[in-house]
Amino acid sequence: GRVWRSLHSLAFTDRLASDASHAVVSTWRAVAPDRLTYRIRHGYEAVIIGSRRWDKRPGGRWSESPQTATLRKPVLVWQAATDAYVIGSTRTAWRISFFDPRTPAWFQITVDKRTLHTVELHMTTTAHFMHETYRAFDAAGSIAPPTSR
């Protein structure tokens, strides 16, 4: 948690599936304290900066609107961890498994031993299978409003 809270920016790829055949893949960038952008493969994209957001549907134009929920990014995916175990180790990383009773979901994460950054996450809960890979720790660049509307 401390390492996540100390991040200024982060980029990641997310694969969210409801079963083996139905999945959505998206790319994300988060910049503290309140900037976020995402692009769904073959789908929607958005830019959120503080109290403003811009959304774009496939083939459409950017549309500006208020952002009603305050974002605080980057943020942990899990809320609590119980029954945590190191289930694997290499020279550079630990593989850790745990349960989050607040979600509720089961997690497996890969943590870089040197930086303590979470570099990969697998989450499983009811009809919800997520795989995320993290990169560009404190190097995800800036996020600005879209230039074309």
N, C-alpha and C. Protein backbone atom coordinates (compact mmCIF):
# COMPACT_ATOMS: atom_id res chain seq x y z
N GLY A 1 0.80 -1.19 0.00
CA GLY A 1 0.00 0.00 0.00
C GLY A 1 0.85 1.26 0.00
N ARG A 2 1.89 1.28 0.78
CA ARG A 2 2.76 2.45 0.86
C ARG A 2 3.38 2.76 -0.50
N VAL A 3 3.83 1.72 -1.21
CA VAL A 3 4.44 1.92 -2.53
C VAL A 3 3.42 2.47 -3.51
N TRP A 4 2.20 1.92 -3.51
CA TRP A 4 1.13 2.43 -4.39
C TRP A 4 0.83 3.89 -4.07
N ARG A 5 0.67 4.23 -2.79
CA ARG A 5 0.32 5.60 -2.41
C ARG A 5 1.42 6.59 -2.74
N SER A 6 2.66 6.13 -2.87
CA SER A 6 3.76 7.05 -3.18
C SER A 6 3.92 7.29 -4.68
N LEU A 7 3.21 6.54 -5.52
CA LEU A 7 3.33 6.71 -6.97
C LEU A 7 2.74 8.04 -7.42
N HIS A 8 3.42 8.68 -8.37
CA HIS A 8 2.88 9.89 -9.00
C HIS A 8 2.11 9.53 -10.27
N SER A 9 2.58 8.51 -10.98
CA SER A 9 1.89 8.10 -12.20
C SER A 9 2.13 6.62 -12.47
N LEU A 10 1.29 6.08 -13.35
CA LEU A 10 1.30 4.65 -13.63
C LEU A 10 0.57 4.41 -14.94
N ALA A 11 1.02 3.44 -15.70
CA ALA A 11 0.30 3.00 -16.90
C ALA A 11 0.06 1.50 -16.76
N PHE A 12 -1.06 1.04 -17.33
CA PHE A 12 -1.33 -0.40 -17.25
C PHE A 12 -2.30 -0.83 -18.34
N THR A 13 -2.28 -2.13 -18.59
CA THR A 13 -3.21 -2.77 -19.51
C THR A 13 -4.11 -3.66 -18.69
N ASP A 14 -5.40 -3.65 -19.01
CA ASP A 14 -6.39 -4.40 -18.26
C ASP A 14 -7.16 -5.31 -19.22
N ARG A 15 -7.32 -6.56 -18.83
CA ARG A 15 -8.19 -7.50 -19.56
C ARG A 15 -9.24 -7.96 -18.58
N LEU A 16 -10.49 -7.59 -18.86
CA LEU A 16 -11.61 -7.92 -17.99
C LEU A 16 -12.53 -8.87 -18.74
N ALA A 17 -12.81 -10.02 -18.15
CA ALA A 17 -13.62 -11.04 -18.82
C ALA A 17 -14.72 -11.54 -17.89
N SER A 18 -15.84 -11.92 -18.51
CA SER A 18 -16.91 -12.55 -17.74
C SER A 18 -16.88 -14.06 -17.88
N ASP A 19 -16.17 -14.53 -18.92
CA ASP A 19 -15.97 -15.96 -19.13
C ASP A 19 -14.84 -16.11 -20.14
N ALA A 20 -14.60 -17.31 -20.62
CA ALA A 20 -13.48 -17.56 -21.53
C ALA A 20 -13.66 -16.90 -22.90
N SER A 21 -14.88 -16.55 -23.28
CA SER A 21 -15.14 -16.01 -24.61
C SER A 21 -15.41 -14.51 -24.65
N HIS A 22 -15.73 -13.89 -23.55
CA HIS A 22 -16.15 -12.49 -23.53
C HIS A 22 -15.20 -11.66 -22.68
N ALA A 23 -14.41 -10.81 -23.36
CA ALA A 23 -13.42 -10.00 -22.66
C ALA A 23 -13.31 -8.63 -23.30
N VAL A 24 -12.92 -7.66 -22.48
CA VAL A 24 -12.66 -6.30 -22.91
C VAL A 24 -11.23 -5.98 -22.51
N VAL A 25 -10.45 -5.44 -23.47
CA VAL A 25 -9.06 -5.06 -23.20
C VAL A 25 -8.96 -3.54 -23.29
N SER A 26 -8.32 -2.95 -22.29
CA SER A 26 -8.17 -1.49 -22.27
C SER A 26 -6.79 -1.11 -21.78
N THR A 27 -6.37 0.10 -22.16
CA THR A 27 -5.10 0.65 -21.69
C THR A 27 -5.42 1.90 -20.88
N TRP A 28 -4.67 2.09 -19.81
CA TRP A 28 -4.93 3.16 -18.85
C TRP A 28 -3.65 3.90 -18.50
N ARG A 29 -3.80 5.18 -18.15
CA ARG A 29 -2.74 5.97 -17.53
C ARG A 29 -3.36 6.77 -16.41
N ALA A 30 -2.74 6.76 -15.25
CA ALA A 30 -3.21 7.51 -14.09
C ALA A 30 -2.08 8.42 -13.62
N VAL A 31 -2.42 9.68 -13.36
CA VAL A 31 -1.45 10.65 -12.86
C VAL A 31 -2.06 11.32 -11.63
N ALA A 32 -1.35 11.27 -10.52
CA ALA A 32 -1.84 11.86 -9.27
C ALA A 32 -1.98 13.36 -9.43
N PRO A 33 -2.93 13.98 -8.75
CA PRO A 33 -3.85 13.29 -7.86
C PRO A 33 -5.17 12.89 -8.52
N ASP A 34 -5.50 13.45 -9.68
CA ASP A 34 -6.87 13.27 -10.18
C ASP A 34 -6.97 13.24 -11.71
N ARG A 35 -5.98 12.66 -12.36
CA ARG A 35 -6.00 12.57 -13.83
C ARG A 35 -5.96 11.11 -14.26
N LEU A 36 -6.80 10.80 -15.24
CA LEU A 36 -6.92 9.43 -15.70
C LEU A 36 -7.33 9.43 -17.16
N THR A 37 -6.77 8.52 -17.93
CA THR A 37 -7.20 8.32 -19.31
C THR A 37 -7.26 6.83 -19.57
N TYR A 38 -8.25 6.44 -20.39
CA TYR A 38 -8.33 5.04 -20.79
C TYR A 38 -8.84 4.94 -22.22
N ARG A 39 -8.47 3.83 -22.85
CA ARG A 39 -8.92 3.52 -24.20
C ARG A 39 -9.27 2.04 -24.24
N ILE A 40 -10.52 1.74 -24.57
CA ILE A 40 -10.97 0.37 -24.72
C ILE A 40 -10.70 -0.07 -26.15
N ARG A 41 -10.04 -1.20 -26.33
CA ARG A 41 -9.73 -1.68 -27.67
C ARG A 41 -11.03 -1.79 -28.48
N HIS A 42 -11.06 -1.13 -29.65
CA HIS A 42 -12.23 -1.10 -30.53
C HIS A 42 -13.45 -0.50 -29.84
N GLY A 43 -13.22 0.43 -28.90
CA GLY A 43 -14.35 0.97 -28.15
C GLY A 43 -14.14 2.40 -27.70
N TYR A 44 -14.74 2.72 -26.60
CA TYR A 44 -14.75 4.06 -26.05
C TYR A 44 -13.40 4.45 -25.48
N GLU A 45 -13.23 5.76 -25.30
CA GLU A 45 -12.06 6.27 -24.60
C GLU A 45 -12.48 7.50 -23.81
N ALA A 46 -11.69 7.83 -22.79
CA ALA A 46 -12.02 8.96 -21.93
C ALA A 46 -10.76 9.60 -21.38
N VAL A 47 -10.89 10.89 -21.05
CA VAL A 47 -9.87 11.65 -20.35
C VAL A 47 -10.58 12.32 -19.18
N ILE A 48 -10.06 12.15 -17.97
CA ILE A 48 -10.64 12.76 -16.79
C ILE A 48 -9.57 13.59 -16.12
N ILE A 49 -9.91 14.86 -15.87
CA ILE A 49 -8.99 15.78 -15.19
C ILE A 49 -9.80 16.55 -14.16
N GLY A 50 -9.58 16.22 -12.90
CA GLY A 50 -10.30 16.90 -11.83
C GLY A 50 -11.80 16.77 -11.98
N SER A 51 -12.48 17.90 -12.10
CA SER A 51 -13.95 17.91 -12.17
C SER A 51 -14.48 17.92 -13.62
N ARG A 52 -13.62 17.68 -14.61
CA ARG A 52 -14.03 17.65 -16.02
C ARG A 52 -13.66 16.31 -16.64
N ARG A 53 -14.43 15.92 -17.63
CA ARG A 53 -14.13 14.69 -18.36
C ARG A 53 -14.50 14.87 -19.82
N TRP A 54 -13.82 14.09 -20.67
CA TRP A 54 -14.08 14.06 -22.10
C TRP A 54 -14.24 12.60 -22.49
N ASP A 55 -15.31 12.29 -23.19
CA ASP A 55 -15.58 10.93 -23.63
C ASP A 55 -15.71 10.91 -25.14
N LYS A 56 -15.32 9.78 -25.72
CA LYS A 56 -15.36 9.62 -27.17
C LYS A 56 -15.80 8.21 -27.50
N ARG A 57 -16.83 8.08 -28.29
CA ARG A 57 -17.25 6.76 -28.73
C ARG A 57 -16.51 6.43 -30.03
N PRO A 58 -16.46 5.17 -30.42
CA PRO A 58 -15.73 4.79 -31.64
C PRO A 58 -16.24 5.59 -32.84
N GLY A 59 -15.33 6.23 -33.55
CA GLY A 59 -15.67 7.01 -34.72
C GLY A 59 -16.33 8.35 -34.42
N GLY A 60 -16.50 8.66 -33.14
CA GLY A 60 -17.17 9.89 -32.76
C GLY A 60 -16.21 11.02 -32.43
N ARG A 61 -16.77 12.08 -31.89
CA ARG A 61 -15.99 13.25 -31.48
C ARG A 61 -15.95 13.31 -29.95
N TRP A 62 -14.99 14.02 -29.43
CA TRP A 62 -14.88 14.20 -27.99
C TRP A 62 -16.05 15.02 -27.48
N SER A 63 -16.59 14.61 -26.34
CA SER A 63 -17.70 15.30 -25.70
C SER A 63 -17.30 15.62 -24.26
N GLU A 64 -17.35 16.90 -23.90
CA GLU A 64 -16.95 17.33 -22.55
C GLU A 64 -18.16 17.35 -21.62
N SER A 65 -17.94 16.96 -20.34
CA SER A 65 -19.00 16.97 -19.34
C SER A 65 -18.37 17.05 -17.95
N PRO A 66 -19.20 17.29 -16.92
CA PRO A 66 -18.66 17.30 -15.55
C PRO A 66 -18.27 15.88 -15.12
N GLN A 67 -17.24 15.78 -14.32
CA GLN A 67 -16.86 14.52 -13.66
C GLN A 67 -17.39 14.62 -12.24
N THR A 68 -18.40 13.84 -11.92
CA THR A 68 -19.06 14.00 -10.63
C THR A 68 -18.33 13.33 -9.47
N ALA A 69 -17.72 12.20 -9.69
CA ALA A 69 -16.99 11.51 -8.63
C ALA A 69 -15.53 11.96 -8.63
N THR A 70 -15.02 12.32 -7.48
CA THR A 70 -13.63 12.74 -7.36
C THR A 70 -12.72 11.53 -7.45
N LEU A 71 -11.73 11.61 -8.32
CA LEU A 71 -10.76 10.52 -8.48
C LEU A 71 -9.53 10.81 -7.64
N ARG A 72 -8.95 9.78 -7.10
CA ARG A 72 -7.64 9.86 -6.44
C ARG A 72 -6.83 8.72 -7.02
N LYS A 73 -5.88 9.03 -7.88
CA LYS A 73 -5.12 8.02 -8.60
C LYS A 73 -3.64 8.24 -8.39
N PRO A 74 -2.81 7.24 -8.55
CA PRO A 74 -3.10 5.81 -8.65
C PRO A 74 -3.64 5.25 -7.33
N VAL A 75 -4.37 4.15 -7.42
CA VAL A 75 -4.98 3.55 -6.24
C VAL A 75 -4.91 2.03 -6.36
N LEU A 76 -4.83 1.37 -5.22
CA LEU A 76 -4.83 -0.09 -5.18
C LEU A 76 -6.14 -0.66 -5.71
N VAL A 77 -6.09 -1.82 -6.35
CA VAL A 77 -7.29 -2.50 -6.80
C VAL A 77 -7.98 -3.17 -5.61
N TRP A 78 -7.22 -3.70 -4.69
CA TRP A 78 -7.80 -4.40 -3.56
C TRP A 78 -7.94 -3.44 -2.38
N GLN A 79 -8.87 -3.76 -1.48
CA GLN A 79 -9.13 -2.91 -0.31
C GLN A 79 -8.52 -3.47 0.96
N ALA A 80 -8.47 -4.81 1.06
CA ALA A 80 -7.92 -5.47 2.24
C ALA A 80 -7.33 -6.80 1.77
N ALA A 81 -6.40 -7.33 2.53
CA ALA A 81 -5.80 -8.60 2.15
C ALA A 81 -5.78 -9.52 3.37
N THR A 82 -6.31 -10.74 3.18
CA THR A 82 -6.24 -11.75 4.23
C THR A 82 -5.68 -13.02 3.62
N ASP A 83 -5.17 -13.89 4.46
CA ASP A 83 -4.62 -15.17 4.02
C ASP A 83 -3.59 -15.01 2.91
N ALA A 84 -2.69 -14.06 3.07
CA ALA A 84 -1.66 -13.81 2.06
C ALA A 84 -0.52 -14.82 2.19
N TYR A 85 -0.10 -15.34 1.04
CA TYR A 85 1.01 -16.31 1.00
C TYR A 85 1.89 -16.02 -0.20
N VAL A 86 3.19 -16.16 0.00
CA VAL A 86 4.11 -16.15 -1.14
C VAL A 86 4.04 -17.53 -1.75
N ILE A 87 3.56 -17.61 -2.99
CA ILE A 87 3.37 -18.91 -3.63
C ILE A 87 4.44 -19.20 -4.67
N GLY A 88 5.33 -18.22 -4.90
CA GLY A 88 6.42 -18.43 -5.84
C GLY A 88 7.44 -17.31 -5.71
N SER A 89 8.66 -17.61 -6.12
CA SER A 89 9.72 -16.62 -6.04
C SER A 89 10.74 -16.87 -7.13
N THR A 90 11.18 -15.79 -7.77
CA THR A 90 12.29 -15.87 -8.72
C THR A 90 13.39 -14.97 -8.18
N ARG A 91 14.42 -14.80 -8.93
CA ARG A 91 15.51 -13.91 -8.51
C ARG A 91 15.01 -12.48 -8.38
N THR A 92 14.00 -12.07 -9.20
CA THR A 92 13.58 -10.67 -9.24
C THR A 92 12.18 -10.38 -8.69
N ALA A 93 11.37 -11.42 -8.47
CA ALA A 93 9.98 -11.14 -8.09
C ALA A 93 9.39 -12.20 -7.15
N TRP A 94 8.37 -11.78 -6.40
CA TRP A 94 7.56 -12.69 -5.59
C TRP A 94 6.19 -12.82 -6.24
N ARG A 95 5.61 -14.00 -6.16
CA ARG A 95 4.23 -14.24 -6.57
C ARG A 95 3.45 -14.43 -5.28
N ILE A 96 2.44 -13.59 -5.04
CA ILE A 96 1.71 -13.58 -3.78
C ILE A 96 0.22 -13.81 -4.06
N SER A 97 -0.41 -14.63 -3.24
CA SER A 97 -1.83 -14.91 -3.35
C SER A 97 -2.52 -14.44 -2.07
N PHE A 98 -3.72 -13.86 -2.21
CA PHE A 98 -4.49 -13.45 -1.03
C PHE A 98 -5.96 -13.28 -1.39
N PHE A 99 -6.77 -13.15 -0.37
CA PHE A 99 -8.21 -12.93 -0.51
C PHE A 99 -8.54 -11.54 0.01
N ASP A 100 -9.42 -10.83 -0.69
CA ASP A 100 -9.92 -9.53 -0.23
C ASP A 100 -11.39 -9.71 0.15
N PRO A 101 -11.71 -9.75 1.45
CA PRO A 101 -13.09 -9.98 1.87
C PRO A 101 -14.02 -8.81 1.56
N ARG A 102 -13.49 -7.62 1.35
CA ARG A 102 -14.34 -6.47 1.06
C ARG A 102 -14.84 -6.45 -0.38
N THR A 103 -14.09 -7.05 -1.30
CA THR A 103 -14.50 -7.01 -2.70
C THR A 103 -15.69 -7.93 -2.98
N PRO A 104 -15.84 -9.12 -2.59
CA PRO A 104 -14.81 -10.12 -2.26
C PRO A 104 -14.19 -10.69 -3.54
N ALA A 105 -12.90 -10.94 -3.48
CA ALA A 105 -12.20 -11.49 -4.64
C ALA A 105 -10.91 -12.15 -4.20
N TRP A 106 -10.41 -13.04 -5.06
CA TRP A 106 -9.12 -13.69 -4.87
C TRP A 106 -8.13 -13.02 -5.80
N PHE A 107 -6.92 -12.80 -5.31
CA PHE A 107 -5.88 -12.11 -6.07
C PHE A 107 -4.61 -12.94 -6.11
N GLN A 108 -3.89 -12.81 -7.22
CA GLN A 108 -2.50 -13.23 -7.32
C GLN A 108 -1.77 -12.05 -7.93
N ILE A 109 -0.72 -11.60 -7.25
CA ILE A 109 0.05 -10.47 -7.75
C ILE A 109 1.52 -10.87 -7.87
N THR A 110 2.21 -10.22 -8.77
CA THR A 110 3.65 -10.36 -8.90
C THR A 110 4.27 -9.05 -8.48
N VAL A 111 5.19 -9.11 -7.52
CA VAL A 111 5.80 -7.91 -6.95
C VAL A 111 7.30 -7.93 -7.22
N ASP A 112 7.80 -6.86 -7.80
CA ASP A 112 9.23 -6.70 -8.05
C ASP A 112 9.96 -6.59 -6.71
N LYS A 113 10.96 -7.43 -6.48
CA LYS A 113 11.66 -7.46 -5.20
C LYS A 113 12.44 -6.17 -4.93
N ARG A 114 12.99 -5.57 -5.96
CA ARG A 114 13.81 -4.37 -5.76
C ARG A 114 12.97 -3.13 -5.48
N THR A 115 11.91 -2.90 -6.27
CA THR A 115 11.12 -1.67 -6.15
C THR A 115 9.85 -1.84 -5.33
N LEU A 116 9.42 -3.08 -5.12
CA LEU A 116 8.15 -3.42 -4.48
C LEU A 116 6.93 -2.98 -5.29
N HIS A 117 7.14 -2.69 -6.58
CA HIS A 117 6.02 -2.38 -7.46
C HIS A 117 5.28 -3.66 -7.82
N THR A 118 3.95 -3.58 -7.82
CA THR A 118 3.14 -4.67 -8.34
C THR A 118 3.22 -4.59 -9.86
N VAL A 119 3.74 -5.63 -10.51
CA VAL A 119 3.91 -5.58 -11.97
C VAL A 119 2.83 -6.38 -12.71
N GLU A 120 2.13 -7.24 -11.98
CA GLU A 120 1.07 -8.02 -12.61
C GLU A 120 0.03 -8.39 -11.55
N LEU A 121 -1.23 -8.45 -11.97
CA LEU A 121 -2.32 -8.79 -11.06
C LEU A 121 -3.33 -9.67 -11.79
N HIS A 122 -3.78 -10.70 -11.10
CA HIS A 122 -4.90 -11.53 -11.54
C HIS A 122 -5.94 -11.46 -10.43
N MET A 123 -7.19 -11.11 -10.78
CA MET A 123 -8.26 -11.06 -9.79
C MET A 123 -9.41 -11.93 -10.28
N THR A 124 -9.99 -12.71 -9.37
CA THR A 124 -11.13 -13.56 -9.71
C THR A 124 -12.22 -13.34 -8.68
N THR A 125 -13.42 -13.06 -9.18
CA THR A 125 -14.61 -13.00 -8.34
C THR A 125 -15.78 -13.48 -9.21
N THR A 126 -16.99 -13.40 -8.73
CA THR A 126 -18.15 -13.92 -9.45
C THR A 126 -18.25 -13.32 -10.85
N ALA A 127 -18.13 -14.18 -11.89
CA ALA A 127 -18.23 -13.78 -13.30
C ALA A 127 -17.37 -12.56 -13.63
N HIS A 128 -16.20 -12.49 -13.03
CA HIS A 128 -15.32 -11.33 -13.19
C HIS A 128 -13.88 -11.81 -13.08
N PHE A 129 -13.21 -11.86 -14.22
CA PHE A 129 -11.83 -12.33 -14.28
C PHE A 129 -10.99 -11.21 -14.85
N MET A 130 -10.06 -10.68 -14.06
CA MET A 130 -9.28 -9.53 -14.48
C MET A 130 -7.79 -9.85 -14.44
N HIS A 131 -7.09 -9.37 -15.48
CA HIS A 131 -5.64 -9.50 -15.54
C HIS A 131 -5.10 -8.12 -15.90
N GLU A 132 -4.23 -7.58 -15.05
CA GLU A 132 -3.62 -6.29 -15.32
C GLU A 132 -2.11 -6.42 -15.29
N THR A 133 -1.44 -5.70 -16.20
CA THR A 133 0.01 -5.59 -16.19
C THR A 133 0.36 -4.12 -16.06
N TYR A 134 1.26 -3.81 -15.13
CA TYR A 134 1.60 -2.43 -14.78
C TYR A 134 2.98 -2.07 -15.29
N ARG A 135 3.13 -0.80 -15.68
CA ARG A 135 4.41 -0.32 -16.22
C ARG A 135 4.48 1.20 -16.03
N ALA A 136 5.54 1.79 -16.47
CA ALA A 136 5.74 3.25 -16.45
C ALA A 136 5.49 3.84 -15.07
N PHE A 137 6.04 3.20 -14.05
CA PHE A 137 5.89 3.70 -12.68
C PHE A 137 6.57 5.06 -12.58
N ASP A 138 5.81 6.07 -12.22
CA ASP A 138 6.27 7.46 -12.13
C ASP A 138 6.87 7.95 -13.45
N ALA A 139 6.45 7.38 -14.56
CA ALA A 139 6.95 7.78 -15.88
C ALA A 139 5.85 7.67 -16.93
N ALA A 140 4.59 7.83 -16.52
CA ALA A 140 3.46 7.65 -17.44
C ALA A 140 3.13 8.90 -18.24
N GLY A 141 3.91 9.98 -18.05
CA GLY A 141 3.67 11.21 -18.80
C GLY A 141 2.53 12.01 -18.20
N SER A 142 2.23 13.12 -18.87
CA SER A 142 1.15 13.99 -18.38
C SER A 142 -0.15 13.65 -19.09
N ILE A 143 -1.25 14.13 -18.54
CA ILE A 143 -2.56 13.94 -19.15
C ILE A 143 -3.17 15.31 -19.33
N ALA A 144 -3.57 15.61 -20.57
CA ALA A 144 -4.14 16.91 -20.92
C ALA A 144 -5.47 16.70 -21.62
N PRO A 145 -6.33 17.74 -21.68
CA PRO A 145 -7.58 17.61 -22.41
C PRO A 145 -7.30 17.24 -23.88
N PRO A 146 -8.24 16.54 -24.51
CA PRO A 146 -8.06 16.20 -25.93
C PRO A 146 -7.95 17.46 -26.77
N THR A 147 -7.18 17.40 -27.84
CA THR A 147 -6.98 18.59 -28.67
C THR A 147 -8.09 18.78 -29.70
N SER A 148 -8.72 17.70 -30.14
CA SER A 148 -9.84 17.82 -31.09
C SER A 148 -11.12 17.46 -30.37
N ARG A 149 -12.16 18.16 -30.68
CA ARG A 149 -13.44 17.92 -29.98
C ARG A 149 -14.43 17.29 -30.89
